[in-house]
Amino acid sequence: MKISIRQATPADSYAILKYTKKILDETPYMISTSKEYLNSIEDEEFWTRQTYEDGGIILLAFSGRSLVGLLSVNRHRRIRKRHTCSFGISVKKSHHGKGIGSLLMNEMISWAEKQPGLEKINLEVFSNNIIARRLYQKLGFREEGRLLKDIKYVDGTYADLINMGMFLKKD
């Protein structure tokens, strides 16, 4: 299985929309549920354009012609936060354990190291998402804080929301 990674364009909006609805149905590790996700193709086009206008990036991972992973980086607009960015990442369940998350993360870190003024990458991860936490730690992210019982599932159980960060190595 060959995985290709490229930047998203507004023309990818329909594929991103379909992918996101699928991901939200199959993972317990996203803030939103599929019932809450009401985006249109126009909303996705706007989001894609806005991400790039704000200095971010959207990376797509494909297996053949099938979208199997997505990573989006949001660069902060405020002067006091402009040296940081945050990101979200997802990989289709059918493609877990195949290194796609690592590929997307490494591509993102490489991109971030080249961005003028960008010093730090931040993320939030559910405490029960052990595999993602291990990947982030392996890549150099460190836990910086924890919001206790910040995520509540419909069955009444909770997960903490962990804040992690990594300072970039600049050439």
Foldseek 3Di string as FASTA:
>chain_A
DDKDKDWDALVCLVLVLVVVLQQLDPDPKDQDHSVPDDDDSVNSNVVSVVQVVQPKTKMFMDDVNHTFKIKIKHQDDDPVRNQEIEMDMDGRPVCPPVCPVVVVVVVRLVVQLPDPSHWKYKYKTWQPPVVVVVSCVVVPKDWDDKAPQPDADPVGDGTIITMIMHTHDHD
